Amino acid sequence: MLVIEDILDRAARTLKIDPHVIRERNFYREGDTTHYGQEVKDAGRITTIWEQLKQTSRFEARCNGIAAFNEKHPHRKRGIAITPVKFGISFTATFLNQAGALVLVYRDGSVQMNHGGTEMGQGLYTKTRQIAAQALGIRLETVRIMPARTDKIPNTSPTAASAGTDLNGAAVLDACVQIRARLAQVAATLLHCDRSLIRFEDGRVFAEGLNHEPLSFAKVAETAHRNRVPLFAHGYYRTPEIHFDSKTATGKPFHYFAYGAAVTEVEVDGFTGEHRVLRADILEDVGDSLSPLIDLGQIEGGFIQGLGFLTLEELLWDAQGRLATAGASTYKLPSWPELPEVFEIAFLKRASEPGVVFGSKAVGEPPLMLAISAREAIRDAIAAFGNGGPVLLDSPATPERIFWAVQRARPQKEAPSAEVTGVIHG
């Protein structure tokens, strides 16, 4: 993705066209297919995100303001860039796109949940607990999740590819739907109504449209147990309709695409090559968010991780091929000074994704690539030191690399003539 954005920026500056115009011209349109033959459905989402973000970030007005700033400051320049992301969600190894779950309901109405996903701080356990609670119509605190164990859920797929919630959450939902169907029949017998009227909500079970006193979820569970109705279920999910032929490099390897865009503004010091991220605006397509707070944190973290990857985290090897930047003393991670001074994040509205658990979308890896906007903003600032032509900039964009890129961008002064210097050439 970084290479393609680099190409588009070089093309734009060679043609004297704003880079964001070139990027917009190269969006997928409805009905387009990828180079591996997959149709890009909902391609209009990226155009919607692009236009909304340009408005909410005041992109055009800020471009004009930056041009005015750069006119007045010969040794400090600002740059701004907007870049898009289209990220396919699924394991490209098709067999990994499956997950299992085991859900157990106890007589007191409490629930134990098991699945093969690993919690590593990304919020997977919180989201899958929410899925179980919502599916069974109970309160979150009554759901207990157990650590992943292969004696409960065998042959688990890695928790990777941003598909942890998609896979494990769908497996949990499948198990909960089985249990709820059994409990609905029990509740219908207790309430003397048709099973289709039974509703589960906030720990209560009631018949919609009837004036019966609601039952507690615990009472229904106890009654089910006494009537020998099983209170546990295995759930399973396999991502549908995905396939890929590695010999022809064609197929449908992704279940759907996650879209997003970011506008980043930076300031570069021409003397030192240091830069500051002044502001970042992000609009992300998360579908119907299962947990907005978790998704917000994922987007923030992904963007900051991308900033480190593209501006700080330089790998160096010594003459013997050993990694010299192997620890915290030599490998710089992003910290508070690297964060944007203004950081605005929003979710695309009315963006439910059909065929995914509760209409949600993956949010793990896609925001990482949004940080490419920071790199392109740095290139935009470097170009402002010269005539706006193509800027060659290696990654990560360390102060040294930025400094030398600025030197290359600056107009080269002509050598003074002999009459001026007084030098006599023999």
Foldseek 3Di string as FASTA:
>chain_A
DLVVLLVLLQVCQVVVHPSVVSQVVPQDDQPDADPQGHGAPPSVVQVVQVVVLCVVVVVVVVVVVQVVVLVVDLFKHKFKFKDKFKAFFDPLVQVQQKWKKKKFADLQGAIEIEIQAADDPLCLVVLLLLLLCVLQQEDSVSYHYDGYDCVGTNPHHYNDRLCSCQHRSQQSSQWSNVLNLLLLVLVCVVVVHDSVQWDRHHQWIDGPPDPDDIDGSSNSSNSCVVVVNGRMGMGMDRQPQFDADPVSSHTHSGSHIWMKMKMWMKMAGLVQLDMATAEMEMETAFWPDSDVVSLVVLLQVLLQQLLCFQAFADWDADPVRHTPQDDPVRGDGDDDRRDHPYYHYYYDPPRFDPPTSVSTHRRHNRSNVNNSRVVVRLQRRLLSSAVSHNFDADGNSYSVRSNVSSVVRHDDDDDDDCVVVVDDDD
